[in-house]
Protein backbone atom coordinates (compact mmCIF):
# COMPACT_ATOMS: atom_id res chain seq x y z
CA MET A 1 -11.21 -249.91 189.05
CA ASP A 2 -9.31 -251.75 191.78
CA TRP A 3 -11.25 -249.90 194.46
CA LEU A 4 -14.46 -251.46 193.10
CA THR A 5 -13.17 -255.03 192.99
CA ASP A 6 -11.49 -254.62 196.40
CA ASN A 7 -14.92 -253.91 197.87
CA LYS A 8 -16.57 -256.93 196.27
CA ILE A 9 -20.02 -257.80 197.59
CA PRO A 10 -19.63 -261.27 199.19
CA LEU A 11 -22.54 -262.82 197.32
CA GLY A 12 -20.92 -266.26 197.10
CA LYS A 13 -20.08 -266.30 200.82
CA TRP A 14 -23.63 -265.31 201.70
CA ALA A 15 -24.98 -268.14 199.55
CA ALA A 16 -22.56 -270.64 201.08
CA SER A 17 -23.50 -269.51 204.60
CA GLY A 18 -27.17 -269.87 203.73
CA PHE A 19 -26.67 -273.40 202.43
CA ASP A 20 -24.65 -274.34 205.52
CA TRP A 21 -27.41 -273.01 207.76
CA LEU A 22 -30.08 -274.90 205.80
CA GLN A 23 -28.04 -278.08 205.99
CA ASP A 24 -27.70 -277.77 209.76
CA VAL A 25 -31.28 -276.76 210.51
CA GLY A 26 -33.24 -278.52 207.80
CA GLN A 27 -31.41 -281.85 207.51
CA PRO A 28 -34.34 -283.86 209.00
CA PHE A 29 -36.66 -282.26 206.44
CA PHE A 30 -34.29 -283.02 203.57
CA ASP A 31 -33.87 -286.61 204.78
CA GLY A 32 -37.62 -287.08 204.87
CA LEU A 33 -38.03 -285.49 201.45
CA ALA A 34 -35.34 -287.80 200.08
CA LEU A 35 -37.18 -290.84 201.45
CA VAL A 36 -40.43 -289.73 199.79
CA MET A 37 -38.69 -289.09 196.48
CA GLU A 38 -36.85 -292.42 196.62
CA ALA A 39 -40.12 -294.24 197.31
CA MET A 40 -41.84 -292.57 194.34
CA ILE A 41 -38.89 -293.32 192.05
CA SER A 42 -38.78 -296.93 193.23
CA VAL A 43 -42.50 -297.45 192.56
CA ILE A 44 -42.39 -295.98 189.05
CA LEU A 45 -39.19 -297.83 188.20
CA ALA A 46 -40.67 -301.10 189.47
CA ILE A 47 -43.72 -300.65 187.23
CA LEU A 48 -41.59 -299.95 184.16
CA GLN A 49 -38.80 -302.47 184.77
CA ASP A 50 -39.59 -305.20 187.28
CA PRO A 51 -42.15 -307.75 186.12
CA PRO A 52 -44.39 -309.03 188.91
CA ASN A 53 -44.33 -312.62 190.15
CA THR A 54 -41.17 -313.62 188.31
CA GLY A 55 -39.46 -316.82 189.30
CA TRP A 56 -39.37 -320.49 188.61
CA ILE A 57 -42.08 -322.82 189.89
CA ARG A 58 -42.27 -326.57 189.54
CA ASP A 59 -45.05 -328.03 187.42
CA VAL A 60 -45.88 -331.23 189.29
CA GLY A 61 -47.70 -332.82 186.36
CA ARG A 62 -44.84 -332.29 183.93
CA ASN A 63 -42.12 -332.52 186.59
CA GLU A 64 -40.33 -329.47 185.22
CA GLU A 65 -39.72 -325.83 186.17
CA VAL A 66 -41.60 -323.13 184.30
CA TYR A 67 -41.82 -319.37 184.64
CA LEU A 68 -44.86 -318.09 186.50
CA TYR A 69 -44.44 -314.90 184.49
CA ASN A 70 -41.97 -314.46 181.64
CA PRO A 71 -40.03 -311.22 182.20
CA ASP A 72 -39.04 -311.07 178.54
CA PHE A 73 -42.57 -309.96 177.68
CA HIS A 74 -42.71 -307.19 180.29
CA PRO A 75 -41.42 -304.47 177.91
CA LEU A 76 -44.13 -305.44 175.42
CA ILE A 77 -46.76 -305.07 178.15
CA ILE A 78 -45.46 -301.60 179.02
CA ILE A 79 -45.45 -300.66 175.32
CA ALA A 80 -49.04 -301.88 175.02
CA GLY A 81 -49.95 -299.69 177.99
CA PHE A 82 -48.46 -296.59 176.33
CA ILE A 83 -50.28 -297.44 173.09
CA ALA A 84 -53.57 -297.82 174.97
CA LEU A 85 -53.02 -294.44 176.67
CA THR A 86 -52.30 -292.85 173.29
CA TRP A 87 -55.50 -294.31 171.83
CA ALA A 88 -57.53 -293.08 174.82
CA LEU A 89 -56.17 -289.55 174.41
CA HIS A 90 -56.22 -289.16 170.62
CA ARG A 91 -58.19 -292.01 168.97
CA SER A 92 -55.58 -292.12 166.20
CA TRP A 93 -54.27 -295.45 164.95
CA LYS A 94 -51.46 -293.69 163.09
CA LEU A 95 -50.18 -292.11 166.30
CA CYS A 96 -50.52 -295.45 168.12
CA LEU A 97 -48.48 -297.11 165.36
CA PHE A 98 -45.83 -294.40 165.68
CA ILE A 99 -45.62 -294.90 169.46
CA GLY A 100 -45.34 -298.67 169.07
CA LEU A 101 -42.63 -298.42 166.42
CA GLY A 102 -40.74 -295.89 168.54
CA PHE A 103 -40.61 -298.21 171.53
CA LEU A 104 -39.70 -301.19 169.36
CA PHE A 105 -36.83 -299.13 167.95
CA ILE A 106 -35.63 -298.48 171.51
CA LEU A 107 -35.77 -302.22 172.22
CA ASN A 108 -33.89 -302.89 168.98
CA GLN A 109 -31.10 -300.52 170.05
CA ASP A 110 -30.94 -302.23 173.48
CA TYR A 111 -31.68 -299.04 175.44
CA TRP A 112 -34.80 -300.23 177.23
CA GLU A 113 -33.33 -300.15 180.74
CA GLU A 114 -31.83 -296.67 180.29
CA THR A 115 -35.06 -295.43 178.72
CA THR A 116 -37.20 -296.65 181.61
CA GLU A 117 -34.80 -295.02 184.08
CA SER A 118 -35.08 -291.72 182.22
CA LEU A 119 -38.87 -292.09 182.01
CA THR A 120 -38.90 -292.65 185.77
CA LEU A 121 -37.05 -289.37 186.30
CA VAL A 122 -39.35 -287.55 183.85
CA LEU A 123 -42.57 -288.97 185.29
CA SER A 124 -41.45 -288.24 188.86
CA ALA A 125 -40.62 -284.65 187.88
CA CYS A 126 -44.03 -284.33 186.20
CA VAL A 127 -45.86 -285.56 189.31
CA VAL A 128 -44.02 -283.13 191.58
CA CYS A 129 -44.09 -280.14 189.22
CA MET A 130 -47.77 -280.47 188.29
CA ALA A 131 -48.79 -281.07 191.92
CA ILE A 132 -47.00 -277.86 192.94
CA GLY A 133 -47.19 -275.77 189.77
CA VAL A 134 -50.90 -276.00 188.94
CA PRO A 135 -52.20 -274.79 192.35
CA ILE A 136 -49.61 -272.00 192.41
CA GLY A 137 -50.56 -270.99 188.86
CA ILE A 138 -54.25 -270.87 189.81
CA ALA A 139 -53.51 -268.76 192.89
CA ALA A 140 -51.31 -266.41 190.83
CA ALA A 141 -54.04 -266.00 188.18
CA HIS A 142 -56.55 -264.94 190.84
CA ARG A 143 -54.04 -262.66 192.59
CA PRO A 144 -52.16 -260.44 190.10
CA ARG A 145 -50.01 -258.90 192.84
CA LEU A 146 -48.83 -262.36 193.88
CA TYR A 147 -47.82 -263.14 190.29
CA ALA A 148 -46.00 -259.80 190.00
CA TRP A 149 -43.97 -260.79 193.07
CA MET A 150 -43.38 -264.32 191.72
CA ARG A 151 -42.28 -263.31 188.22
CA PRO A 152 -38.65 -262.37 189.03
CA VAL A 153 -38.31 -265.57 191.09
CA LEU A 154 -39.55 -267.64 188.13
CA ASP A 155 -37.18 -265.78 185.81
CA LEU A 156 -34.29 -266.55 188.15
CA MET A 157 -35.23 -270.24 188.32
CA GLN A 158 -35.30 -270.53 184.52
CA THR A 159 -32.24 -268.44 183.67
CA LEU A 160 -29.84 -269.62 186.39
CA PRO A 161 -27.41 -272.14 184.84
CA THR A 162 -28.70 -275.63 185.49
CA PHE A 163 -25.30 -276.82 186.73
CA VAL A 164 -25.67 -274.43 189.67
CA TYR A 165 -28.69 -276.43 190.91
CA LEU A 166 -26.52 -279.53 191.19
CA ILE A 167 -24.36 -278.04 193.94
CA PRO A 168 -27.05 -277.64 196.65
CA ALA A 169 -28.72 -280.86 195.42
CA ILE A 170 -25.53 -282.78 196.14
CA VAL A 171 -25.04 -281.00 199.48
CA PHE A 172 -28.56 -281.77 200.72
CA PHE A 173 -29.28 -285.14 199.07
CA GLY A 174 -25.95 -286.75 198.14
CA ILE A 175 -25.46 -288.69 194.91
CA GLY A 176 -28.11 -290.58 192.93
CA MET A 177 -31.53 -290.16 191.40
CA VAL A 178 -32.92 -287.89 194.13
CA PRO A 179 -30.55 -284.91 193.59
CA GLY A 180 -31.10 -285.25 189.84
CA LEU A 181 -34.86 -285.16 190.43
CA ILE A 182 -34.63 -282.15 192.76
CA ALA A 183 -32.48 -280.18 190.30
CA THR A 184 -34.88 -281.08 187.50
CA VAL A 185 -37.91 -279.95 189.50
CA ILE A 186 -36.35 -276.58 190.35
CA PHE A 187 -35.47 -275.97 186.71
CA VAL A 188 -38.81 -277.18 185.30
CA LEU A 189 -41.30 -275.85 187.87
CA PRO A 190 -41.75 -272.36 186.32
CA ALA A 191 -43.23 -273.87 183.12
CA PRO A 192 -46.44 -275.32 184.65
CA ILE A 193 -46.83 -272.25 186.87
CA ARG A 194 -46.63 -269.82 183.95
CA LEU A 195 -48.85 -271.82 181.59
CA THR A 196 -51.48 -272.53 184.25
CA HIS A 197 -51.52 -268.83 185.08
CA LEU A 198 -51.89 -268.02 181.38
CA GLY A 199 -54.75 -270.47 180.89
CA ILE A 200 -56.74 -269.38 183.96
CA SER A 201 -56.20 -265.65 183.44
CA SER A 202 -57.17 -265.87 179.76
CA THR A 203 -60.61 -267.35 180.52
CA PRO A 204 -63.15 -264.95 178.94
CA LYS A 205 -64.89 -262.82 181.51
CA SER A 206 -68.20 -263.49 179.79
CA LEU A 207 -67.93 -267.17 180.78
CA THR A 208 -67.13 -266.47 184.43
CA GLU A 209 -69.79 -263.75 184.65
CA ALA A 210 -72.38 -266.09 183.17
CA ALA A 211 -71.47 -268.80 185.68
CA GLN A 212 -71.69 -266.34 188.58
CA ALA A 213 -75.00 -265.00 187.27
CA PHE A 214 -76.44 -268.51 187.56
CA GLY A 215 -75.28 -268.68 191.19
CA ALA A 216 -71.96 -270.53 190.84
CA THR A 217 -69.57 -270.17 193.75
CA ASN A 218 -65.90 -269.36 193.26
CA SER A 219 -64.91 -273.02 193.53
CA GLN A 220 -67.65 -274.05 191.09
CA THR A 221 -66.51 -271.38 188.64
CA LEU A 222 -62.95 -272.69 188.92
CA TRP A 223 -63.83 -276.36 188.41
CA LYS A 224 -66.64 -275.96 185.86
CA VAL A 225 -65.44 -272.99 183.80
CA GLU A 226 -61.85 -271.90 184.30
CA LEU A 227 -60.10 -275.26 184.52
CA PRO A 228 -61.89 -276.78 181.47
CA TYR A 229 -61.07 -273.68 179.44
CA ALA A 230 -57.46 -273.67 180.65
CA LEU A 231 -56.95 -277.43 180.16
CA PRO A 232 -55.07 -277.08 176.82
CA GLN A 233 -52.69 -274.59 178.44
CA ILE A 234 -52.25 -276.85 181.47
CA MET A 235 -51.51 -279.78 179.16
CA ALA A 236 -49.03 -277.55 177.34
CA GLY A 237 -47.41 -276.98 180.73
CA LEU A 238 -47.23 -280.74 181.22
CA ASN A 239 -45.72 -281.06 177.75
CA GLN A 240 -43.10 -278.43 178.53
CA THR A 241 -42.40 -280.13 181.86
CA ILE A 242 -41.62 -283.37 180.02
CA MET A 243 -39.45 -281.70 177.40
CA LEU A 244 -37.46 -279.70 179.94
CA SER A 245 -37.07 -282.78 182.14
CA LEU A 246 -35.61 -284.69 179.21
CA SER A 247 -33.20 -281.83 178.62
CA MET A 248 -31.97 -282.37 182.20
CA VAL A 249 -31.32 -286.11 181.68
CA VAL A 250 -27.67 -285.63 180.73
CA ILE A 251 -27.04 -283.05 183.46
CA ALA A 252 -28.66 -285.28 186.09
CA ALA A 253 -26.30 -288.07 185.07
CA LEU A 254 -23.43 -285.95 186.38
CA VAL A 255 -24.76 -286.37 189.93
CA GLY A 256 -25.28 -290.11 189.67
CA ALA A 257 -28.78 -290.29 188.17
CA ASP A 258 -29.32 -293.33 185.97
CA GLY A 259 -30.82 -293.18 182.51
CA LEU A 260 -30.00 -292.12 178.99
CA GLY A 261 -27.66 -289.41 180.23
CA VAL A 262 -25.15 -292.02 181.42
CA PRO A 263 -24.18 -293.29 177.93
CA VAL A 264 -24.08 -289.71 176.67
CA VAL A 265 -21.61 -288.73 179.39
CA ARG A 266 -19.62 -291.92 178.75
CA ALA A 267 -19.50 -291.15 175.03
CA LEU A 268 -18.28 -287.63 175.79
CA ASN A 269 -15.51 -288.91 178.04
CA GLN A 270 -14.44 -291.52 175.49
CA VAL A 271 -15.04 -289.30 172.42
CA ASN A 272 -17.20 -292.18 171.15
CA THR A 273 -19.22 -290.82 168.23
CA ALA A 274 -21.28 -293.97 167.71
CA LEU A 275 -22.35 -294.25 171.35
CA GLY A 276 -23.09 -290.54 171.59
CA PHE A 277 -25.26 -290.54 168.45
CA GLU A 278 -27.13 -293.69 169.52
CA SER A 279 -28.00 -292.48 173.01
CA GLY A 280 -28.71 -288.94 171.82
CA PHE A 281 -31.04 -290.19 169.10
CA ILE A 282 -32.91 -292.35 171.63
CA ILE A 283 -33.50 -289.22 173.74
CA VAL A 284 -34.91 -287.48 170.67
CA VAL A 285 -37.23 -290.42 169.93
CA VAL A 286 -38.51 -290.48 173.52
CA ALA A 287 -39.08 -286.72 173.45
CA ILE A 288 -41.03 -286.86 170.19
CA MET A 289 -43.19 -289.76 171.38
CA LEU A 290 -44.08 -288.08 174.68
CA ASP A 291 -44.74 -284.78 172.90
CA ARG A 292 -47.16 -286.38 170.43
CA MET A 293 -48.87 -288.41 173.15
CA LEU A 294 -49.64 -285.50 175.46
CA ARG A 295 -50.26 -282.70 172.97
CA MET A 296 -53.80 -281.38 173.34
CA GLU A 297 -55.33 -278.67 171.21
CA ARG A 298 -58.49 -276.72 171.91
CA LYS A 299 -61.31 -277.97 169.68
């Protein structure tokens, strides 16, 4: 079989040449994309971590310095916000209690900063993936031939080892949160596309035909019939986006992304069982909380 291996198809060289060409031609685009991603990450991280208006001011009447805003209470404000969102979505005091206890447990274990960094990566990935995935899923549902062409590409994106995504991410974006976010988006994007396509394409024809019989246009049928019917599937796509993003937390830490993956990698390097179990269990708690918060079932 030497004759076969001697005539090896240079797949790796072709890929490397393609990446080199993209780096030369598309570097301004990648730099601009990195700036946008960094801005989004900074905004979300500032909301979750940096309390506004912190600093000492002098109380003239008491002649002493007091905090305009106590940063120690900022995590509690963020927790209250998540509890309020949970109540708005589910109207369940039991689930709200579970969310509150979960976040208090994270505070107790002193993983608040790492958790907010991971949440920043997850939320950023959700914004990008849903903004891209939902429109593509809708277009694919209305154009079966387009989805037939997209299916092998989506299979490749989901089955290619996730470590492979880190190589071009580092080449194009360097080290930090941005390459971790880009690798996460590439790995996660097929989930919202597939589930949006499933939800739109599974809308009963009787509903769409009834809407068209009453004079609804294609856009009205989409907004008034198809999207409301597909909403549970779209929310399932959001749920899967969050879960898959959390699964990339540790891998993203290998390219310099902050978050809960950092202590996991440190525990692996040090063979530290206690640290590894603590950080790993925090990831599980965050995943369960986000899953319960955003799970939506068709009534």
